């Protein structure tokens, strides 16, 4: 109506559009430039859709590979057994060399071995 392509009448605040009954109705009343813009937009959207579909397929493949690796790892868990006996405590260098006897030539006081680490570090 604003472009002047349709006939209209105003009565009591209402607008009536007059349409010819014999006139064939075109499929699209928009100018061709709008059609070109719509085609470009449609092409862009289809292109983006193909890209997103490709990304989705890549993620599906990565997810399937992760599931396969997880299943293989879970199958191996029963094969890994915990040790039946607790491991022996490793001997310190002083105990191995001196058979556990305090040495007078060893640097530092021997009582440090019996003090907690936090007292040796922070003092007290």
N, C-alpha and C. Protein backbone atom coordinates (compact mmCIF):
# COMPACT_ATOMS: atom_id res chain seq x y z
N UNK A 1 0.83 -1.18 0.00
CA UNK A 1 0.00 0.00 0.00
C UNK A 1 0.88 1.25 0.00
N UNK A 2 1.94 1.23 0.75
CA UNK A 2 2.80 2.41 0.80
C UNK A 2 3.49 2.65 -0.53
N UNK A 3 3.79 1.58 -1.24
CA UNK A 3 4.45 1.72 -2.54
C UNK A 3 3.48 2.13 -3.63
N UNK A 4 2.20 2.02 -3.34
CA UNK A 4 1.20 2.39 -4.33
C UNK A 4 0.86 1.28 -5.31
N UNK A 5 1.24 0.08 -5.02
CA UNK A 5 0.94 -1.03 -5.93
C UNK A 5 -0.40 -1.67 -5.64
N UNK A 6 -0.97 -1.41 -4.46
CA UNK A 6 -2.29 -1.94 -4.12
C UNK A 6 -3.26 -0.79 -3.90
N UNK A 7 -4.48 -1.00 -4.35
CA UNK A 7 -5.51 0.01 -4.13
C UNK A 7 -6.11 -0.20 -2.75
N UNK A 8 -6.33 0.89 -2.02
CA UNK A 8 -6.87 0.78 -0.66
C UNK A 8 -7.82 1.94 -0.40
N UNK A 9 -8.78 1.70 0.52
CA UNK A 9 -9.71 2.73 0.95
C UNK A 9 -9.72 2.76 2.47
N UNK A 10 -9.90 3.96 3.02
CA UNK A 10 -9.97 4.11 4.47
C UNK A 10 -11.39 4.50 4.86
N UNK A 11 -11.92 3.79 5.84
CA UNK A 11 -13.25 4.11 6.34
C UNK A 11 -13.27 3.89 7.85
N UNK A 12 -13.59 4.91 8.57
CA UNK A 12 -13.76 4.86 10.03
C UNK A 12 -12.57 4.20 10.73
N UNK A 13 -11.36 4.60 10.35
CA UNK A 13 -10.16 4.09 11.01
C UNK A 13 -9.70 2.72 10.51
N UNK A 14 -10.41 2.15 9.57
CA UNK A 14 -10.03 0.86 8.99
C UNK A 14 -9.55 1.05 7.58
N UNK A 15 -8.64 0.18 7.17
CA UNK A 15 -8.11 0.24 5.80
C UNK A 15 -8.57 -1.03 5.08
N UNK A 16 -9.17 -0.84 3.93
CA UNK A 16 -9.62 -1.95 3.09
C UNK A 16 -8.76 -1.99 1.84
N UNK A 17 -8.21 -3.17 1.55
CA UNK A 17 -7.40 -3.36 0.35
C UNK A 17 -8.31 -3.93 -0.72
N UNK A 18 -8.29 -3.28 -1.88
CA UNK A 18 -9.13 -3.71 -2.99
C UNK A 18 -8.30 -4.62 -3.90
N UNK A 19 -8.81 -5.83 -4.10
CA UNK A 19 -8.10 -6.81 -4.92
C UNK A 19 -8.99 -7.19 -6.08
N UNK A 20 -8.40 -7.23 -7.25
CA UNK A 20 -9.11 -7.66 -8.45
C UNK A 20 -9.27 -9.17 -8.42
N UNK A 21 -10.49 -9.66 -8.55
CA UNK A 21 -10.71 -11.10 -8.52
C UNK A 21 -10.19 -11.76 -9.78
N UNK A 22 -10.17 -11.04 -10.91
CA UNK A 22 -9.71 -11.61 -12.18
C UNK A 22 -8.19 -11.57 -12.32
N UNK A 23 -7.55 -10.75 -11.54
CA UNK A 23 -6.11 -10.58 -11.65
C UNK A 23 -5.40 -11.82 -11.08
N UNK A 24 -4.51 -12.46 -11.85
CA UNK A 24 -3.78 -13.61 -11.32
C UNK A 24 -2.80 -13.15 -10.23
N UNK A 25 -2.73 -13.93 -9.22
CA UNK A 25 -1.88 -13.56 -8.10
C UNK A 25 -0.47 -14.14 -8.31
N UNK A 26 0.55 -13.29 -8.38
CA UNK A 26 1.91 -13.81 -8.57
C UNK A 26 2.38 -14.56 -7.32
N UNK A 27 3.31 -15.46 -7.52
CA UNK A 27 3.83 -16.25 -6.41
C UNK A 27 4.59 -15.38 -5.42
N UNK A 28 5.22 -14.34 -5.95
CA UNK A 28 6.02 -13.47 -5.08
C UNK A 28 5.89 -12.04 -5.58
N UNK A 29 5.37 -11.13 -4.72
CA UNK A 29 5.18 -9.73 -5.12
C UNK A 29 6.43 -8.90 -4.90
N UNK A 30 7.48 -9.49 -4.34
CA UNK A 30 8.68 -8.71 -4.03
C UNK A 30 9.50 -8.45 -5.29
N UNK A 31 10.24 -7.38 -5.30
CA UNK A 31 11.11 -7.11 -6.43
C UNK A 31 12.22 -8.15 -6.55
N UNK A 32 12.86 -8.22 -7.69
CA UNK A 32 13.87 -9.24 -7.94
C UNK A 32 15.11 -9.07 -7.05
N UNK A 33 15.39 -7.85 -6.61
CA UNK A 33 16.55 -7.66 -5.74
C UNK A 33 16.34 -8.38 -4.42
N UNK A 34 15.11 -8.43 -3.92
CA UNK A 34 14.82 -9.18 -2.70
C UNK A 34 15.03 -10.67 -2.93
N UNK A 35 14.66 -11.15 -4.10
CA UNK A 35 14.85 -12.56 -4.43
C UNK A 35 16.34 -12.89 -4.44
N UNK A 36 17.14 -12.00 -5.01
CA UNK A 36 18.58 -12.23 -5.04
C UNK A 36 19.15 -12.28 -3.62
N UNK A 37 18.70 -11.36 -2.77
CA UNK A 37 19.16 -11.34 -1.38
C UNK A 37 18.74 -12.61 -0.65
N UNK A 38 17.51 -13.07 -0.91
CA UNK A 38 17.03 -14.30 -0.29
C UNK A 38 17.84 -15.49 -0.77
N UNK A 39 18.17 -15.53 -2.06
CA UNK A 39 18.97 -16.64 -2.58
C UNK A 39 20.37 -16.64 -1.97
N UNK A 40 20.96 -15.47 -1.82
CA UNK A 40 22.29 -15.39 -1.20
C UNK A 40 22.22 -15.83 0.26
N UNK A 41 21.17 -15.40 0.94
CA UNK A 41 21.01 -15.79 2.35
C UNK A 41 20.78 -17.30 2.46
N UNK A 42 19.97 -17.83 1.59
CA UNK A 42 19.72 -19.27 1.58
C UNK A 42 21.01 -20.03 1.32
N UNK A 43 21.81 -19.57 0.37
CA UNK A 43 23.08 -20.21 0.07
C UNK A 43 24.00 -20.18 1.29
N UNK A 44 24.08 -19.02 1.95
CA UNK A 44 24.93 -18.88 3.14
C UNK A 44 24.46 -19.81 4.26
N UNK A 45 23.16 -19.87 4.48
CA UNK A 45 22.63 -20.73 5.54
C UNK A 45 22.88 -22.20 5.23
N UNK A 46 22.73 -22.59 3.99
CA UNK A 46 23.01 -23.99 3.62
C UNK A 46 24.48 -24.31 3.79
N UNK A 47 25.33 -23.36 3.44
CA UNK A 47 26.77 -23.56 3.60
C UNK A 47 27.12 -23.73 5.08
N UNK A 48 26.55 -22.89 5.93
CA UNK A 48 26.80 -23.01 7.37
C UNK A 48 26.25 -24.31 7.93
N UNK A 49 25.09 -24.73 7.41
CA UNK A 49 24.51 -25.98 7.86
C UNK A 49 25.42 -27.15 7.51
N UNK A 50 25.98 -27.16 6.30
CA UNK A 50 26.92 -28.22 5.91
C UNK A 50 28.14 -28.23 6.83
N UNK A 51 28.64 -27.04 7.16
CA UNK A 51 29.80 -26.95 8.05
C UNK A 51 29.47 -27.51 9.43
N UNK A 52 28.32 -27.13 9.98
CA UNK A 52 27.93 -27.60 11.31
C UNK A 52 27.68 -29.11 11.29
N UNK A 53 27.10 -29.62 10.22
CA UNK A 53 26.89 -31.06 10.11
C UNK A 53 28.23 -31.79 10.08
N UNK A 54 29.22 -31.22 9.38
CA UNK A 54 30.56 -31.81 9.35
C UNK A 54 31.19 -31.82 10.73
N UNK A 55 31.03 -30.71 11.46
CA UNK A 55 31.56 -30.64 12.82
C UNK A 55 30.89 -31.67 13.72
N UNK A 56 29.59 -31.83 13.56
CA UNK A 56 28.85 -32.80 14.37
C UNK A 56 29.35 -34.21 14.08
N UNK A 57 29.58 -34.53 12.83
CA UNK A 57 30.07 -35.86 12.47
C UNK A 57 31.47 -36.09 13.05
N UNK A 58 32.33 -35.08 13.00
CA UNK A 58 33.67 -35.21 13.58
C UNK A 58 33.59 -35.44 15.08
N UNK A 59 32.70 -34.73 15.76
CA UNK A 59 32.54 -34.92 17.19
C UNK A 59 31.99 -36.31 17.51
N UNK A 60 31.09 -36.80 16.68
CA UNK A 60 30.56 -38.15 16.89
C UNK A 60 31.67 -39.18 16.77
N UNK A 61 32.53 -39.02 15.77
CA UNK A 61 33.65 -39.95 15.60
C UNK A 61 34.61 -39.88 16.78
N UNK A 62 34.92 -38.68 17.25
CA UNK A 62 35.81 -38.53 18.40
C UNK A 62 35.19 -39.15 19.64
N UNK A 63 33.89 -38.97 19.81
CA UNK A 63 33.20 -39.55 20.96
C UNK A 63 33.22 -41.08 20.89
N UNK A 64 33.01 -41.62 19.70
CA UNK A 64 33.05 -43.08 19.54
C UNK A 64 34.44 -43.62 19.85
N UNK A 65 35.48 -42.92 19.42
CA UNK A 65 36.86 -43.34 19.72
C UNK A 65 37.13 -43.29 21.22
N UNK A 66 36.64 -42.25 21.89
CA UNK A 66 36.82 -42.14 23.34
C UNK A 66 36.10 -43.28 24.06
N UNK A 67 34.90 -43.61 23.60
CA UNK A 67 34.17 -44.73 24.20
C UNK A 67 34.92 -46.04 23.99
N UNK A 68 35.50 -46.23 22.80
CA UNK A 68 36.25 -47.45 22.51
C UNK A 68 37.47 -47.56 23.42
N UNK A 69 38.20 -46.46 23.59
CA UNK A 69 39.37 -46.47 24.46
C UNK A 69 38.99 -46.72 25.91
N UNK A 70 37.90 -46.13 26.36
CA UNK A 70 37.44 -46.34 27.73
C UNK A 70 37.05 -47.79 27.95
N UNK A 71 36.36 -48.39 27.00
CA UNK A 71 35.95 -49.79 27.13
C UNK A 71 37.19 -50.69 27.19
N UNK A 72 38.20 -50.41 26.37
CA UNK A 72 39.42 -51.20 26.39
C UNK A 72 40.13 -51.07 27.74
N UNK A 73 40.16 -49.86 28.30
CA UNK A 73 40.80 -49.66 29.60
C UNK A 73 40.02 -50.37 30.70
N UNK A 74 38.71 -50.34 30.64
CA UNK A 74 37.90 -51.01 31.66
C UNK A 74 38.07 -52.52 31.60
N UNK A 75 38.30 -53.07 30.42
CA UNK A 75 38.52 -54.52 30.30
C UNK A 75 39.83 -54.93 30.96
N UNK A 76 40.81 -54.05 30.97
CA UNK A 76 42.12 -54.38 31.53
C UNK A 76 42.17 -54.25 33.04
N UNK A 77 41.22 -53.59 33.65
CA UNK A 77 41.26 -53.38 35.11
C UNK A 77 41.29 -54.69 35.88
N UNK A 78 40.47 -55.70 35.58
CA UNK A 78 40.57 -56.95 36.34
C UNK A 78 41.93 -57.63 36.18
N UNK A 79 42.63 -57.43 35.08
CA UNK A 79 43.92 -58.06 34.86
C UNK A 79 45.00 -57.45 35.75
N UNK A 80 44.81 -56.24 36.18
CA UNK A 80 45.76 -55.58 37.06
C UNK A 80 45.38 -55.91 38.49
N UNK A 81 46.20 -56.74 39.14
CA UNK A 81 45.88 -57.15 40.49
C UNK A 81 46.68 -56.33 41.49
N UNK A 82 46.09 -56.10 42.62
CA UNK A 82 46.78 -55.41 43.70
C UNK A 82 47.79 -56.37 44.30
N UNK A 83 48.92 -55.89 44.79
CA UNK A 83 49.90 -56.80 45.42
C UNK A 83 49.29 -57.47 46.64
N UNK A 84 49.60 -58.77 46.80
CA UNK A 84 49.03 -59.54 47.91
C UNK A 84 49.68 -59.17 49.24
N UNK A 85 50.99 -58.84 49.21
CA UNK A 85 51.70 -58.48 50.43
C UNK A 85 52.08 -57.01 50.37
N UNK A 86 52.04 -56.33 51.49
CA UNK A 86 52.45 -54.93 51.46
C UNK A 86 53.95 -54.85 51.16
N UNK A 87 54.38 -53.86 50.41
CA UNK A 87 55.81 -53.75 50.09
C UNK A 87 56.60 -53.41 51.35
N UNK A 88 57.86 -53.89 51.36
CA UNK A 88 58.73 -53.61 52.51
C UNK A 88 59.14 -52.15 52.48
N UNK A 89 59.32 -51.60 53.66
CA UNK A 89 59.75 -50.21 53.75
C UNK A 89 61.18 -50.12 53.26
N UNK A 90 61.48 -49.16 52.39
CA UNK A 90 62.86 -49.04 51.91
C UNK A 90 63.77 -48.57 53.03
N UNK A 91 65.00 -49.09 53.03
CA UNK A 91 65.95 -48.68 54.04
C UNK A 91 66.60 -47.38 53.62
N UNK A 92 66.94 -46.57 54.60
CA UNK A 92 67.62 -45.31 54.29
C UNK A 92 69.08 -45.59 54.00
N UNK A 93 69.76 -44.64 53.44
CA UNK A 93 71.16 -44.81 53.09
C UNK A 93 72.00 -45.07 54.34
N UNK A 94 71.71 -44.36 55.42
CA UNK A 94 72.47 -44.54 56.66
C UNK A 94 72.28 -45.96 57.20
N UNK A 95 71.07 -46.47 57.14
CA UNK A 95 70.82 -47.81 57.67
C UNK A 95 71.49 -48.86 56.81
N UNK A 96 71.54 -48.66 55.49
CA UNK A 96 72.18 -49.63 54.62
C UNK A 96 73.68 -49.64 54.84
N UNK A 97 74.28 -48.48 54.99
CA UNK A 97 75.73 -48.42 55.13
C UNK A 97 76.17 -48.83 56.52
N UNK A 98 75.51 -48.32 57.51
CA UNK A 98 75.95 -48.57 58.87
C UNK A 98 75.14 -49.62 59.59
N UNK A 99 74.33 -50.34 58.90
CA UNK A 99 73.48 -51.37 59.46
C UNK A 99 72.62 -50.84 60.60
N UNK A 100 72.17 -49.58 60.45
CA UNK A 100 71.25 -49.01 61.42
C UNK A 100 71.93 -48.39 62.62
N UNK A 101 73.24 -48.43 62.69
CA UNK A 101 73.96 -47.85 63.82
C UNK A 101 74.27 -46.39 63.53
N UNK A 102 74.11 -45.49 64.49
CA UNK A 102 74.44 -44.10 64.26
C UNK A 102 75.94 -43.96 64.01
N UNK A 103 76.29 -43.08 63.09
CA UNK A 103 77.70 -42.84 62.78
C UNK A 103 78.07 -41.47 63.30
N UNK A 104 79.26 -41.38 63.82
CA UNK A 104 79.69 -40.11 64.38
C UNK A 104 80.12 -39.14 63.29
N UNK A 105 80.55 -39.64 62.12
CA UNK A 105 81.01 -38.76 61.05
C UNK A 105 79.88 -38.30 60.13
N UNK A 106 78.66 -38.73 60.38
CA UNK A 106 77.52 -38.33 59.55
C UNK A 106 77.20 -36.87 59.83
N UNK A 107 76.93 -36.09 58.78
CA UNK A 107 76.59 -34.68 58.99
C UNK A 107 75.23 -34.52 59.65
N UNK A 108 75.14 -33.55 60.56
CA UNK A 108 73.87 -33.26 61.21
C UNK A 108 73.59 -34.19 62.36
N UNK A 109 72.72 -33.78 63.25
CA UNK A 109 72.41 -34.63 64.40
C UNK A 109 71.57 -35.83 63.99
N UNK A 110 71.79 -36.97 64.67
CA UNK A 110 71.05 -38.19 64.36
C UNK A 110 69.60 -38.12 64.80
N UNK A 111 69.30 -37.25 65.70
CA UNK A 111 67.93 -37.15 66.20
C UNK A 111 66.97 -36.60 65.15
N UNK A 112 67.48 -35.98 64.07
CA UNK A 112 66.61 -35.45 63.02
C UNK A 112 65.78 -36.54 62.37
N UNK A 113 66.28 -37.75 62.35
CA UNK A 113 65.52 -38.84 61.73
C UNK A 113 64.25 -39.15 62.51
N UNK A 114 64.26 -38.92 63.78
CA UNK A 114 63.09 -39.24 64.60
C UNK A 114 62.10 -38.09 64.69
N UNK A 115 62.53 -36.87 64.34
CA UNK A 115 61.64 -35.71 64.40
C UNK A 115 60.78 -35.66 63.14
N UNK A 116 59.54 -35.18 63.27
CA UNK A 116 58.68 -35.05 62.07
C UNK A 116 59.31 -34.06 61.10
N UNK A 117 58.98 -34.24 59.85
CA UNK A 117 59.56 -33.39 58.79
C UNK A 117 59.22 -31.93 59.00
N UNK A 118 58.01 -31.66 59.48
CA UNK A 118 57.59 -30.27 59.62
C UNK A 118 58.37 -29.57 60.73
N UNK A 119 58.81 -30.33 61.75
CA UNK A 119 59.63 -29.73 62.79
C UNK A 119 61.04 -29.47 62.26
N UNK A 120 61.54 -30.36 61.40
CA UNK A 120 62.87 -30.15 60.83
C UNK A 120 62.86 -28.95 59.90
N UNK A 121 61.78 -28.76 59.15
CA UNK A 121 61.70 -27.67 58.19
C UNK A 121 61.43 -26.35 58.89
N UNK A 122 60.44 -26.33 59.78
CA UNK A 122 60.02 -25.07 60.39
C UNK A 122 60.67 -24.83 61.75
N UNK A 123 61.38 -25.82 62.24
CA UNK A 123 62.06 -25.68 63.53
C UNK A 123 61.13 -25.97 64.68
N UNK A 124 61.72 -26.11 65.84
CA UNK A 124 60.90 -26.34 67.02
C UNK A 124 61.12 -27.67 67.64
